[in-house]
Amino acid sequence: MAVLHATTQPAPSAKELQRILRLQVPVIVKLAQRKLTLAEVMRLGVGAIIEFSKNNDEPLELMINNKTIGVGETVKVGENFGLRIVQIGDVKQVIGAMTR
């Protein structure tokens, strides 16, 4: 049986880390997810409602580069909505999510 070894990447230098920390990245808050057939998508129109199995009080996922880095809850900020973070990964996980 062959054993696969994970390759480790060297830690970024201070200069590289400063460059990485200046990057602007899209931040996504994932409400819910559901699969639909293409036929169902084609029938969608203005006013259509897609029901999700997630309760409205369940935590939302905070994502960078389609990888979850934390979870939070919806809050209202003036006329806008926001995310109150209740759990987030460490710095290595966040940078790892951005560079993969």
PDB file of N, CA and C in Angstrom:
ATOM      1  N   MET A   1       0.845  -1.166   0.000  1.00  0.00           N
ATOM      2  CA  MET A   1       0.000   0.000   0.000  1.00  0.00           C
ATOM      3  C   MET A   1       0.893   1.233   0.000  1.00  0.00           C
ATOM      4  N   ALA A   2       0.633   2.149  -0.917  1.00  0.00           N
ATOM      5  CA  ALA A   2       1.413   3.381  -1.018  1.00  0.00           C
ATOM      6  C   ALA A   2       0.886   4.400  -0.018  1.00  0.00           C
ATOM      7  N   VAL A   3       1.786   5.108   0.617  1.00  0.00           N
ATOM      8  CA  VAL A   3       1.424   6.148   1.564  1.00  0.00           C
ATOM      9  C   VAL A   3       1.709   7.494   0.922  1.00  0.00           C
ATOM     10  N   LEU A   4       0.707   8.340   0.868  1.00  0.00           N
ATOM     11  CA  LEU A   4       0.893   9.675   0.296  1.00  0.00           C
ATOM     12  C   LEU A   4       1.270  10.638   1.405  1.00  0.00           C
ATOM     13  N   HIS A   5       2.250  11.459   1.156  1.00  0.00           N
ATOM     14  CA  HIS A   5       2.685  12.450   2.131  1.00  0.00           C
ATOM     15  C   HIS A   5       2.232  13.824   1.683  1.00  0.00           C
ATOM     16  N   ALA A   6       1.657  14.572   2.603  1.00  0.00           N
ATOM     17  CA  ALA A   6       1.226  15.937   2.280  1.00  0.00           C
ATOM     18  C   ALA A   6       2.446  16.827   2.138  1.00  0.00           C
ATOM     19  N   THR A   7       2.437  17.642   1.118  1.00  0.00           N
ATOM     20  CA  THR A   7       3.538  18.582   0.953  1.00  0.00           C
ATOM     21  C   THR A   7       3.211  19.844   1.723  1.00  0.00           C
ATOM     22  N   THR A   8       4.174  20.351   2.425  1.00  0.00           N
ATOM     23  CA  THR A   8       3.960  21.578   3.191  1.00  0.00           C
ATOM     24  C   THR A   8       4.620  22.730   2.460  1.00  0.00           C
ATOM     25  N   GLN A   9       3.915  23.834   2.415  1.00  0.00           N
ATOM     26  CA  GLN A   9       4.467  25.017   1.781  1.00  0.00           C
ATOM     27  C   GLN A   9       5.159  25.846   2.840  1.00  0.00           C
ATOM     28  N   PRO A  10       6.275  26.484   2.475  1.00  0.00           N
ATOM     29  CA  PRO A  10       6.965  27.320   3.458  1.00  0.00           C
ATOM     30  C   PRO A  10       6.098  28.509   3.844  1.00  0.00           C
ATOM     31  N   ALA A  11       6.256  28.972   5.059  1.00  0.00           N
ATOM     32  CA  ALA A  11       5.504  30.142   5.533  1.00  0.00           C
ATOM     33  C   ALA A  11       5.912  31.359   4.717  1.00  0.00           C
ATOM     34  N   PRO A  12       4.952  32.246   4.420  1.00  0.00           N
ATOM     35  CA  PRO A  12       5.311  33.441   3.649  1.00  0.00           C
ATOM     36  C   PRO A  12       6.255  34.338   4.439  1.00  0.00           C
ATOM     37  N   SER A  13       7.150  35.009   3.720  1.00  0.00           N
ATOM     38  CA  SER A  13       8.054  35.956   4.364  1.00  0.00           C
ATOM     39  C   SER A  13       7.246  37.169   4.833  1.00  0.00           C
ATOM     40  N   ALA A  14       7.846  38.025   5.632  1.00  0.00           N
ATOM     41  CA  ALA A  14       7.156  39.220   6.140  1.00  0.00           C
ATOM     42  C   ALA A  14       6.701  40.108   4.990  1.00  0.00           C
ATOM     43  N   LYS A  15       7.538  40.238   3.965  1.00  0.00           N
ATOM     44  CA  LYS A  15       7.189  41.063   2.806  1.00  0.00           C
ATOM     45  C   LYS A  15       6.007  40.452   2.049  1.00  0.00           C
ATOM     46  N   GLU A  16       6.038  39.135   1.853  1.00  0.00           N
ATOM     47  CA  GLU A  16       4.933  38.454   1.175  1.00  0.00           C
ATOM     48  C   GLU A  16       3.647  38.561   1.987  1.00  0.00           C
ATOM     49  N   LEU A  17       3.764  38.438   3.297  1.00  0.00           N
ATOM     50  CA  LEU A  17       2.594  38.521   4.171  1.00  0.00           C
ATOM     51  C   LEU A  17       1.957  39.909   4.082  1.00  0.00           C
ATOM     52  N   GLN A  18       2.777  40.960   4.059  1.00  0.00           N
ATOM     53  CA  GLN A  18       2.241  42.318   3.924  1.00  0.00           C
ATOM     54  C   GLN A  18       1.518  42.496   2.591  1.00  0.00           C
ATOM     55  N   ARG A  19       2.061  41.911   1.534  1.00  0.00           N
ATOM     56  CA  ARG A  19       1.423  41.982   0.219  1.00  0.00           C
ATOM     57  C   ARG A  19       0.100  41.219   0.228  1.00  0.00           C
ATOM     58  N   ILE A  20       0.092  40.046   0.843  1.00  0.00           N
ATOM     59  CA  ILE A  20      -1.131  39.239   0.929  1.00  0.00           C
ATOM     60  C   ILE A  20      -2.204  39.980   1.716  1.00  0.00           C
ATOM     61  N   LEU A  21      -1.812  40.625   2.808  1.00  0.00           N
ATOM     62  CA  LEU A  21      -2.786  41.304   3.663  1.00  0.00           C
ATOM     63  C   LEU A  21      -3.399  42.535   3.006  1.00  0.00           C
ATOM     64  N   ARG A  22      -2.785  43.050   1.942  1.00  0.00           N
ATOM     65  CA  ARG A  22      -3.347  44.199   1.203  1.00  0.00           C
ATOM     66  C   ARG A  22      -4.300  43.769   0.090  1.00  0.00           C
ATOM     67  N   LEU A  23      -4.345  42.487  -0.205  1.00  0.00           N
ATOM     68  CA  LEU A  23      -5.223  41.999  -1.265  1.00  0.00           C
ATOM     69  C   LEU A  23      -6.682  42.243  -0.902  1.00  0.00           C
ATOM     70  N   GLN A  24      -7.458  42.665  -1.890  1.00  0.00           N
ATOM     71  CA  GLN A  24      -8.897  42.763  -1.704  1.00  0.00           C
ATOM     72  C   GLN A  24      -9.509  41.478  -2.251  1.00  0.00           C
ATOM     73  N   VAL A  25     -10.338  40.845  -1.444  1.00  0.00           N
ATOM     74  CA  VAL A  25     -10.938  39.576  -1.839  1.00  0.00           C
ATOM     75  C   VAL A  25     -12.456  39.657  -1.695  1.00  0.00           C
ATOM     76  N   PRO A  26     -13.183  38.948  -2.558  1.00  0.00           N
ATOM     77  CA  PRO A  26     -14.629  38.918  -2.400  1.00  0.00           C
ATOM     78  C   PRO A  26     -14.997  38.116  -1.150  1.00  0.00           C
ATOM     79  N   VAL A  27     -15.857  38.690  -0.345  1.00  0.00           N
ATOM     80  CA  VAL A  27     -16.341  38.025   0.857  1.00  0.00           C
ATOM     81  C   VAL A  27     -17.789  37.639   0.592  1.00  0.00           C
ATOM     82  N   ILE A  28     -18.107  36.377   0.791  1.00  0.00           N
ATOM     83  CA  ILE A  28     -19.437  35.852   0.514  1.00  0.00           C
ATOM     84  C   ILE A  28     -20.079  35.399   1.819  1.00  0.00           C
ATOM     85  N   VAL A  29     -21.348  35.731   1.986  1.00  0.00           N
ATOM     86  CA  VAL A  29     -22.123  35.197   3.099  1.00  0.00           C
ATOM     87  C   VAL A  29     -23.137  34.242   2.487  1.00  0.00           C
ATOM     88  N   LYS A  30     -23.007  32.979   2.821  1.00  0.00           N
ATOM     89  CA  LYS A  30     -23.862  31.945   2.226  1.00  0.00           C
ATOM     90  C   LYS A  30     -25.108  31.759   3.083  1.00  0.00           C
ATOM     91  N   LEU A  31     -26.232  32.096   2.499  1.00  0.00           N
ATOM     92  CA  LEU A  31     -27.509  31.952   3.179  1.00  0.00           C
ATOM     93  C   LEU A  31     -27.923  30.492   3.242  1.00  0.00           C
ATOM     94  N   ALA A  32     -27.983  29.848   2.096  1.00  0.00           N
ATOM     95  CA  ALA A  32     -28.408  28.448   2.009  1.00  0.00           C
ATOM     96  C   ALA A  32     -28.012  27.919   0.647  1.00  0.00           C
ATOM     97  N   GLN A  33     -28.247  26.637   0.445  1.00  0.00           N
ATOM     98  CA  GLN A  33     -27.891  26.017  -0.823  1.00  0.00           C
ATOM     99  C   GLN A  33     -28.947  24.975  -1.156  1.00  0.00           C
ATOM    100  N   ARG A  34     -29.253  24.877  -2.426  1.00  0.00           N
ATOM    101  CA  ARG A  34     -30.222  23.884  -2.887  1.00  0.00           C
ATOM    102  C   ARG A  34     -29.935  23.563  -4.343  1.00  0.00           C
ATOM    103  N   LYS A  35     -30.131  22.328  -4.727  1.00  0.00           N
ATOM    104  CA  LYS A  35     -29.956  21.925  -6.119  1.00  0.00           C
ATOM    105  C   LYS A  35     -31.323  21.910  -6.795  1.00  0.00           C
ATOM    106  N   LEU A  36     -31.366  22.451  -7.998  1.00  0.00           N
ATOM    107  CA  LEU A  36     -32.561  22.435  -8.828  1.00  0.00           C
ATOM    108  C   LEU A  36     -32.189  21.836 -10.176  1.00  0.00           C
ATOM    109  N   THR A  37     -33.159  21.232 -10.817  1.00  0.00           N
ATOM    110  CA  THR A  37     -32.907  20.764 -12.170  1.00  0.00           C
ATOM    111  C   THR A  37     -32.881  21.982 -13.083  1.00  0.00           C
ATOM    112  N   LEU A  38     -32.275  21.832 -14.224  1.00  0.00           N
ATOM    113  CA  LEU A  38     -32.239  22.928 -15.174  1.00  0.00           C
ATOM    114  C   LEU A  38     -33.657  23.300 -15.605  1.00  0.00           C
ATOM    115  N   ALA A  39     -34.527  22.319 -15.722  1.00  0.00           N
ATOM    116  CA  ALA A  39     -35.925  22.595 -16.082  1.00  0.00           C
ATOM    117  C   ALA A  39     -36.586  23.475 -15.021  1.00  0.00           C
ATOM    118  N   GLU A  40     -36.299  23.223 -13.734  1.00  0.00           N
ATOM    119  CA  GLU A  40     -36.863  24.050 -12.660  1.00  0.00           C
ATOM    120  C   GLU A  40     -36.321  25.475 -12.729  1.00  0.00           C
ATOM    121  N   VAL A  41     -35.037  25.618 -13.025  1.00  0.00           N
ATOM    122  CA  VAL A  41     -34.437  26.944 -13.147  1.00  0.00           C
ATOM    123  C   VAL A  41     -35.061  27.698 -14.311  1.00  0.00           C
ATOM    124  N   MET A  42     -35.300  27.010 -15.409  1.00  0.00           N
ATOM    125  CA  MET A  42     -35.883  27.653 -16.589  1.00  0.00           C
ATOM    126  C   MET A  42     -37.315  28.143 -16.331  1.00  0.00           C
ATOM    127  N   ARG A  43     -38.005  27.534 -15.374  1.00  0.00           N
ATOM    128  CA  ARG A  43     -39.375  27.956 -15.044  1.00  0.00           C
ATOM    129  C   ARG A  43     -39.412  29.131 -14.067  1.00  0.00           C
ATOM    130  N   LEU A  44     -38.266  29.520 -13.503  1.00  0.00           N
ATOM    131  CA  LEU A  44     -38.244  30.628 -12.548  1.00  0.00           C
ATOM    132  C   LEU A  44     -38.571  31.936 -13.252  1.00  0.00           C
ATOM    133  N   GLY A  45     -39.249  32.796 -12.548  1.00  0.00           N
ATOM    134  CA  GLY A  45     -39.572  34.104 -13.097  1.00  0.00           C
ATOM    135  C   GLY A  45     -39.706  35.102 -11.961  1.00  0.00           C
ATOM    136  N   VAL A  46     -40.030  36.340 -12.306  1.00  0.00           N
ATOM    137  CA  VAL A  46     -40.205  37.396 -11.312  1.00  0.00           C
ATOM    138  C   VAL A  46     -41.284  36.967 -10.326  1.00  0.00           C
ATOM    139  N   GLY A  47     -40.981  37.060  -9.059  1.00  0.00           N
ATOM    140  CA  GLY A  47     -41.933  36.698  -8.015  1.00  0.00           C
ATOM    141  C   GLY A  47     -41.838  35.253  -7.566  1.00  0.00           C
ATOM    142  N   ALA A  48     -41.034  34.441  -8.257  1.00  0.00           N
ATOM    143  CA  ALA A  48     -40.875  33.038  -7.864  1.00  0.00           C
ATOM    144  C   ALA A  48     -40.188  32.963  -6.503  1.00  0.00           C
ATOM    145  N   ILE A  49     -40.539  31.960  -5.736  1.00  0.00           N
ATOM    146  CA  ILE A  49     -39.937  31.744  -4.421  1.00  0.00           C
ATOM    147  C   ILE A  49     -39.265  30.377  -4.422  1.00  0.00           C
ATOM    148  N   ILE A  50     -38.012  30.360  -4.007  1.00  0.00           N
ATOM    149  CA  ILE A  50     -37.277  29.104  -3.856  1.00  0.00           C
ATOM    150  C   ILE A  50     -37.185  28.835  -2.360  1.00  0.00           C
ATOM    151  N   GLU A  51     -37.694  27.705  -1.941  1.00  0.00           N
ATOM    152  CA  GLU A  51     -37.677  27.361  -0.518  1.00  0.00           C
ATOM    153  C   GLU A  51     -36.401  26.592  -0.196  1.00  0.00           C
ATOM    154  N   PHE A  52     -35.799  26.933   0.940  1.00  0.00           N
ATOM    155  CA  PHE A  52     -34.605  26.244   1.408  1.00  0.00           C
ATOM    156  C   PHE A  52     -34.935  25.525   2.703  1.00  0.00           C
ATOM    157  N   SER A  53     -34.200  24.461   2.997  1.00  0.00           N
ATOM    158  CA  SER A  53     -34.473  23.678   4.201  1.00  0.00           C
ATOM    159  C   SER A  53     -33.795  24.253   5.441  1.00  0.00           C
ATOM    160  N   LYS A  54     -33.119  25.360   5.307  1.00  0.00           N
ATOM    161  CA  LYS A  54     -32.404  25.966   6.432  1.00  0.00           C
ATOM    162  C   LYS A  54     -33.338  26.888   7.211  1.00  0.00           C
ATOM    163  N   ASN A  55     -33.327  26.764   8.539  1.00  0.00           N
ATOM    164  CA  ASN A  55     -34.134  27.639   9.390  1.00  0.00           C
ATOM    165  C   ASN A  55     -33.557  29.042   9.402  1.00  0.00           C
ATOM    166  N   ASN A  56     -34.415  30.039   9.624  1.00  0.00           N
ATOM    167  CA  ASN A  56     -33.939  31.425   9.597  1.00  0.00           C
ATOM    168  C   ASN A  56     -33.055  31.779  10.793  1.00  0.00           C
ATOM    169  N   ASP A  57     -32.999  30.942  11.825  1.00  0.00           N
ATOM    170  CA  ASP A  57     -32.138  31.240  12.969  1.00  0.00           C
ATOM    171  C   ASP A  57     -30.831  30.447  12.951  1.00  0.00           C
ATOM    172  N   GLU A  58     -30.598  29.673  11.900  1.00  0.00           N
ATOM    173  CA  GLU A  58     -29.338  28.932  11.774  1.00  0.00           C
ATOM    174  C   GLU A  58     -28.223  29.880  11.347  1.00  0.00           C
ATOM    175  N   PRO A  59     -26.977  29.599  11.752  1.00  0.00           N
ATOM    176  CA  PRO A  59     -25.864  30.480  11.385  1.00  0.00           C
ATOM    177  C   PRO A  59     -25.619  30.493   9.876  1.00  0.00           C
ATOM    178  N   LEU A  60     -25.108  31.634   9.394  1.00  0.00           N
ATOM    179  CA  LEU A  60     -24.735  31.803   8.002  1.00  0.00           C
ATOM    180  C   LEU A  60     -23.235  31.592   7.877  1.00  0.00           C
ATOM    181  N   GLU A  61     -22.794  31.090   6.729  1.00  0.00           N
ATOM    182  CA  GLU A  61     -21.372  30.843   6.514  1.00  0.00           C
ATOM    183  C   GLU A  61     -20.694  32.069   5.919  1.00  0.00           C
ATOM    184  N   LEU A  62     -19.545  32.430   6.453  1.00  0.00           N
ATOM    185  CA  LEU A  62     -18.693  33.483   5.912  1.00  0.00           C
ATOM    186  C   LEU A  62     -17.634  32.797   5.068  1.00  0.00           C
ATOM    187  N   MET A  63     -17.564  33.183   3.790  1.00  0.00           N
ATOM    188  CA  MET A  63     -16.686  32.470   2.871  1.00  0.00           C
ATOM    189  C   MET A  63     -15.734  33.407   2.135  1.00  0.00           C
ATOM    190  N   ILE A  64     -14.542  32.908   1.875  1.00  0.00           N
ATOM    191  CA  ILE A  64     -13.570  33.563   1.004  1.00  0.00           C
ATOM    192  C   ILE A  64     -13.077  32.490   0.048  1.00  0.00           C
ATOM    193  N   ASN A  65     -13.080  32.807  -1.239  1.00  0.00           N
ATOM    194  CA  ASN A  65     -12.622  31.861  -2.251  1.00  0.00           C
ATOM    195  C   ASN A  65     -13.399  30.542  -2.174  1.00  0.00           C
ATOM    196  N   ASN A  66     -14.700  30.646  -1.925  1.00  0.00           N
ATOM    197  CA  ASN A  66     -15.607  29.494  -1.803  1.00  0.00           C
ATOM    198  C   ASN A  66     -15.213  28.527  -0.694  1.00  0.00           C
ATOM    199  N   LYS A  67     -14.491  29.019   0.306  1.00  0.00           N
ATOM    200  CA  LYS A  67     -14.128  28.208   1.465  1.00  0.00           C
ATOM    201  C   LYS A  67     -14.651  28.898   2.716  1.00  0.00           C
ATOM    202  N   THR A  68     -15.317  28.137   3.569  1.00  0.00           N
ATOM    203  CA  THR A  68     -15.864  28.697   4.799  1.00  0.00           C
ATOM    204  C   THR A  68     -14.739  29.018   5.768  1.00  0.00           C
ATOM    205  N   ILE A  69     -14.727  30.270   6.244  1.00  0.00           N
ATOM    206  CA  ILE A  69     -13.702  30.671   7.214  1.00  0.00           C
ATOM    207  C   ILE A  69     -14.325  31.062   8.544  1.00  0.00           C
ATOM    208  N   GLY A  70     -15.659  31.128   8.591  1.00  0.00           N
ATOM    209  CA  GLY A  70     -16.331  31.489   9.829  1.00  0.00           C
ATOM    210  C   GLY A  70     -17.832  31.363   9.677  1.00  0.00           C
ATOM    211  N   VAL A  71     -18.536  31.605  10.785  1.00  0.00           N
ATOM    212  CA  VAL A  71     -19.992  31.600  10.779  1.00  0.00           C
ATOM    213  C   VAL A  71     -20.489  32.800  11.566  1.00  0.00           C
ATOM    214  N   GLY A  72     -21.715  33.202  11.257  1.00  0.00           N
ATOM    215  CA  GLY A  72     -22.263  34.358  11.946  1.00  0.00           C
ATOM    216  C   GLY A  72     -23.772  34.380  11.861  1.00  0.00           C
ATOM    217  N   GLU A  73     -24.338  35.472  12.371  1.00  0.00           N
ATOM    218  CA  GLU A  73     -25.783  35.642  12.372  1.00  0.00           C
ATOM    219  C   GLU A  73     -26.134  36.978  11.735  1.00  0.00           C
ATOM    220  N   THR A  74     -27.313  37.033  11.152  1.00  0.00           N
ATOM    221  CA  THR A  74     -27.774  38.240  10.478  1.00  0.00           C
ATOM    222  C   THR A  74     -28.093  39.326  11.491  1.00  0.00           C
ATOM    223  N   VAL A  75     -27.678  40.557  11.191  1.00  0.00           N
ATOM    224  CA  VAL A  75     -28.028  41.721  12.002  1.00  0.00           C
ATOM    225  C   VAL A  75     -28.452  42.842  11.061  1.00  0.00           C
ATOM    226  N   LYS A  76     -29.256  43.747  11.565  1.00  0.00           N
ATOM    227  CA  LYS A  76     -29.659  44.904  10.787  1.00  0.00           C
ATOM    228  C   LYS A  76     -28.785  46.077  11.214  1.00  0.00           C
ATOM    229  N   VAL A  77     -28.206  46.772  10.222  1.00  0.00           N
ATOM    230  CA  VAL A  77     -27.348  47.929  10.469  1.00  0.00           C
ATOM    231  C   VAL A  77     -27.969  49.100   9.711  1.00  0.00           C
ATOM    232  N   GLY A  78     -28.758  49.914  10.412  1.00  0.00           N
ATOM    233  CA  GLY A  78     -29.488  50.981   9.737  1.00  0.00           C
ATOM    234  C   GLY A  78     -30.484  50.374   8.774  1.00  0.00           C
ATOM    235  N   GLU A  79     -30.366  50.736   7.500  1.00  0.00           N
ATOM    236  CA  GLU A  79     -31.251  50.180   6.472  1.00  0.00           C
ATOM    237  C   GLU A  79     -30.647  48.953   5.785  1.00  0.00           C
ATOM    238  N   ASN A  80     -29.446  48.543   6.201  1.00  0.00           N
ATOM    239  CA  ASN A  80     -28.747  47.425   5.570  1.00  0.00           C
ATOM    240  C   ASN A  80     -28.715  46.214   6.491  1.00  0.00           C
ATOM    241  N   PHE A  81     -28.352  45.094   5.916  1.00  0.00           N
ATOM    242  CA  PHE A  81     -28.124  43.885   6.695  1.00  0.00           C
ATOM    243  C   PHE A  81     -26.636  43.658   6.823  1.00  0.00           C
ATOM    244  N   GLY A  82     -26.243  42.993   7.898  1.00  0.00           N
ATOM    245  CA  GLY A  82     -24.845  42.680   8.115  1.00  0.00           C
ATOM    246  C   GLY A  82     -24.710  41.295   8.713  1.00  0.00           C
ATOM    247  N   LEU A  83     -23.496  40.920   8.998  1.00  0.00           N
ATOM    248  CA  LEU A  83     -23.203  39.620   9.592  1.00  0.00           C
ATOM    249  C   LEU A  83     -22.417  39.835  10.870  1.00  0.00           C
ATOM    250  N   ARG A  84     -22.955  39.360  11.982  1.00  0.00           N
ATOM    251  CA  ARG A  84     -22.222  39.373  13.254  1.00  0.00           C
ATOM    252  C   ARG A  84     -21.492  38.043  13.343  1.00  0.00           C
ATOM    253  N   ILE A  85     -20.168  38.098  13.319  1.00  0.00           N
ATOM    254  CA  ILE A  85     -19.362  36.880  13.324  1.00  0.00           C
ATOM    255  C   ILE A  85     -19.376  36.278  14.721  1.00  0.00           C
ATOM    256  N   VAL A  86     -19.708  34.992  14.789  1.00  0.00           N
ATOM    257  CA  VAL A  86     -19.727  34.302  16.078  1.00  0.00           C
ATOM    258  C   VAL A  86     -18.595  33.282  16.200  1.00  0.00           C
ATOM    259  N   GLN A  87     -18.009  32.915  15.060  1.00  0.00           N
ATOM    260  CA  GLN A  87     -16.865  32.002  15.073  1.00  0.00           C
ATOM    261  C   GLN A  87     -16.076  32.240  13.797  1.00  0.00           C
ATOM    262  N   ILE A  88     -14.756  32.280  13.916  1.00  0.00           N
ATOM    263  CA  ILE A  88     -13.915  32.476  12.727  1.00  0.00           C
ATOM    264  C   ILE A  88     -12.629  31.678  12.910  1.00  0.00           C
ATOM    265  N   GLY A  89     -12.069  31.215  11.793  1.00  0.00           N
ATOM    266  CA  GLY A  89     -10.829  30.445  11.832  1.00  0.00           C
ATOM    267  C   GLY A  89      -9.647  31.334  12.172  1.00  0.00           C
ATOM    268  N   ASP A  90      -8.506  30.708  12.375  1.00  0.00           N
ATOM    269  CA  ASP A  90      -7.312  31.484  12.694  1.00  0.00           C
ATOM    270  C   ASP A  90      -6.718  32.100  11.423  1.00  0.00           C
ATOM    271  N   VAL A  91      -5.732  32.932  11.581  1.00  0.00           N
ATOM    272  CA  VAL A  91      -5.128  33.664  10.474  1.00  0.00           C
ATOM    273  C   VAL A  91      -4.595  32.713   9.404  1.00  0.00           C
ATOM    274  N   LYS A  92      -3.996  31.608   9.792  1.00  0.00           N
ATOM    275  CA  LYS A  92      -3.458  30.656   8.820  1.00  0.00           C
ATOM    276  C   LYS A  92      -4.571  30.099   7.942  1.00  0.00           C
ATOM    277  N   GLN A  93      -5.733  29.804   8.541  1.00  0.00           N
ATOM    278  CA  GLN A  93      -6.849  29.285   7.757  1.00  0.00           C
ATOM    279  C   GLN A  93      -7.359  30.344   6.768  1.00  0.00           C
ATOM    280  N   VAL A  94      -7.452  31.589   7.219  1.00  0.00           N
ATOM    281  CA  VAL A  94      -7.947  32.658   6.360  1.00  0.00           C
ATOM    282  C   VAL A  94      -7.001  32.866   5.186  1.00  0.00           C
ATOM    283  N   ILE A  95      -5.706  32.966   5.443  1.00  0.00           N
ATOM    284  CA  ILE A  95      -4.736  33.160   4.365  1.00  0.00           C
ATOM    285  C   ILE A  95      -4.717  31.920   3.469  1.00  0.00           C
ATOM    286  N   GLY A  96      -4.812  30.757   4.056  1.00  0.00           N
ATOM    287  CA  GLY A  96      -4.856  29.539   3.262  1.00  0.00           C
ATOM    288  C   GLY A  96      -6.054  29.507   2.328  1.00  0.00           C
ATOM    289  N   ALA A  97      -7.194  29.991   2.796  1.00  0.00           N
ATOM    290  CA  ALA A  97      -8.393  30.023   1.985  1.00  0.00           C
ATOM    291  C   ALA A  97      -8.223  30.974   0.801  1.00  0.00           C
ATOM    292  N   MET A  98      -7.490  32.039   0.991  1.00  0.00           N
ATOM    293  CA  MET A  98      -7.285  33.019  -0.074  1.00  0.00           C
ATOM    294  C   MET A  98      -6.266  32.544  -1.101  1.00  0.00           C
ATOM    295  N   THR A  99      -5.343  31.710  -0.722  1.00  0.00           N
ATOM    296  CA  THR A  99      -4.259  31.345  -1.623  1.00  0.00           C
ATOM    297  C   THR A  99      -4.472  30.007  -2.304  1.00  0.00           C
ATOM    298  N   ARG A 100      -5.536  29.310  -2.000  1.00  0.00           N
ATOM    299  CA  ARG A 100      -5.787  28.007  -2.634  1.00  0.00           C
ATOM    300  C   ARG A 100      -6.688  28.140  -3.792  1.00  0.00           C
TER     301      ARG A 100
END
